[in-house]
Protein backbone atom coordinates (compact mmCIF):
# COMPACT_ATOMS: atom_id res chain seq x y z
CA MET A 1 -2.72 71.41 30.25
CA THR A 2 -2.14 69.98 33.73
CA GLY A 3 1.62 70.49 33.87
CA GLU A 4 2.34 66.79 34.17
CA GLY A 5 5.73 65.79 32.84
CA ARG A 6 7.19 69.27 32.85
CA ARG A 7 9.62 68.52 35.70
CA ALA A 8 10.78 65.32 34.00
CA ASP A 9 11.95 67.31 30.99
CA ARG A 10 14.23 69.54 33.08
CA GLU A 11 17.56 68.45 34.47
CA ALA A 12 17.97 68.24 38.20
CA PRO A 13 19.73 71.24 39.75
CA PRO A 14 23.44 70.70 40.47
CA ALA A 15 24.24 69.29 43.90
CA ARG A 16 25.33 71.83 46.48
CA PRO A 17 28.66 71.35 48.26
CA ARG A 18 28.23 69.45 51.50
CA PRO A 19 30.32 69.51 54.68
CA ALA A 20 33.33 67.21 54.82
CA GLU A 21 31.81 65.17 57.64
CA GLU A 22 29.39 63.57 55.16
CA PHE A 23 32.09 62.19 52.84
CA TRP A 24 35.48 61.65 54.42
CA PRO A 25 36.49 58.14 55.51
CA ALA A 26 37.06 59.67 58.97
CA PRO A 27 34.64 62.20 60.51
CA VAL A 28 37.04 65.00 59.54
CA PRO A 29 40.75 65.18 58.74
CA LEU A 30 42.89 65.61 61.85
CA ASN A 31 44.05 69.01 60.58
CA TYR A 32 40.48 70.33 60.05
CA ALA A 33 40.37 73.73 61.78
CA ARG A 34 37.17 75.81 61.59
CA PRO A 35 37.66 79.54 62.23
CA ASP A 36 35.77 81.52 64.86
CA HIS A 37 34.28 83.78 62.18
CA VAL A 38 33.21 82.35 58.81
CA PRO A 39 32.99 84.73 55.81
CA ALA A 40 29.46 84.72 54.43
CA ARG A 41 30.35 84.68 50.71
CA PRO A 42 32.92 82.85 48.61
CA GLN A 43 35.95 85.08 48.05
CA GLY A 44 37.45 83.47 44.98
CA SER A 45 38.42 80.19 43.37
CA VAL A 46 42.18 79.76 43.61
CA PRO A 47 43.65 76.40 42.50
CA VAL A 48 45.65 74.92 45.38
CA ILE A 49 47.06 71.70 46.73
CA CYS A 50 46.04 70.88 50.26
CA ARG A 51 47.54 68.54 52.83
CA LEU A 52 45.00 66.33 54.62
CA VAL A 53 46.05 64.41 57.71
CA TRP A 54 44.25 61.18 58.65
CA SER A 55 44.90 58.89 61.60
CA THR A 56 46.70 56.42 59.32
CA HIS A 57 48.35 58.66 56.72
CA GLU A 58 48.54 62.09 55.13
CA GLU A 59 47.92 63.04 51.53
CA LEU A 60 48.22 65.95 49.14
CA VAL A 61 45.10 66.54 47.04
CA PRO A 62 44.10 69.17 44.47
CA ALA A 63 41.48 71.67 45.63
CA ARG A 64 40.20 75.22 45.23
CA ALA A 65 40.55 77.87 47.95
CA ILE A 66 37.16 79.59 48.09
CA ARG A 67 37.13 81.45 51.45
CA TRP A 68 39.77 82.58 53.87
CA THR A 69 40.41 84.44 57.09
CA VAL A 70 43.68 85.59 58.61
CA ASP A 71 44.42 82.13 60.01
CA ARG A 72 42.20 79.67 58.06
CA VAL A 73 41.46 78.68 54.44
CA MET A 74 38.32 76.92 53.21
CA VAL A 75 39.11 74.55 50.36
CA ALA A 76 36.69 72.70 48.10
CA VAL A 77 37.98 69.22 47.33
CA THR A 78 36.36 66.98 44.72
CA ALA A 79 35.41 63.71 46.40
CA PRO A 80 37.53 60.78 45.15
CA GLU A 81 34.42 58.71 44.38
CA ALA A 82 32.53 61.56 42.71
CA ARG A 83 31.70 61.12 39.03
CA SER A 84 31.69 64.86 38.36
CA GLN A 85 32.68 68.21 39.85
CA ASP A 86 29.18 68.55 41.35
CA HIS A 87 30.18 66.81 44.58
CA GLU A 88 32.79 68.71 46.54
CA LEU A 89 33.97 68.54 50.12
CA LEU A 90 34.42 71.76 52.07
CA VAL A 91 37.30 71.72 54.55
CA TRP A 92 38.78 74.49 56.71
CA LEU A 93 42.56 74.20 57.03
CA ARG A 94 45.41 76.27 58.41
CA PRO A 95 47.37 78.21 55.75
CA GLN A 96 50.47 76.02 56.27
CA ASP A 97 48.41 73.07 54.91
CA VAL A 98 47.43 74.87 51.69
CA TYR A 99 49.92 75.35 48.83
CA ARG A 100 49.92 77.10 45.45
CA THR A 101 52.59 74.71 44.14
CA ILE A 102 53.69 71.20 45.11
CA PRO A 103 55.47 71.52 48.47
CA PRO A 104 58.99 70.20 48.82
CA ARG A 105 59.14 66.75 50.37
CA ARG A 106 61.17 66.19 53.47
CA ARG A 107 64.08 63.95 52.68
CA PRO A 108 65.12 61.41 55.28
CA THR A 109 68.34 62.27 57.04
CA PRO A 110 71.03 59.68 56.36
CA PRO A 111 72.36 57.95 59.47
CA VAL A 112 75.52 59.42 60.91
CA THR A 113 78.45 57.05 60.76
CA VAL A 114 81.29 57.39 63.19
CA GLY A 115 84.61 56.20 62.25
């Protein structure tokens, strides 16, 4: 047997997470903040909501916190155009941009009327 066709029978390995720069509509979100020291291994998989800031808007998106340092959190965000969970974006954010629950929205202050 020559081994021909064996690879065709197997499924392709799942895609590895790629850096955010390859997917985002902008090179990186404006609040992207890589730490000085990056932990070598994933530290968990905590469901979170992260705030991403773009030049035109900001958005809250579901993600998973997978690594963290004292002042940064790496989140894995499923790409909006991805068909499955295989394609994730990895983004380092400051802790104030990562939430365990939906953050309260700032309400506009009503104008002060004199009179």
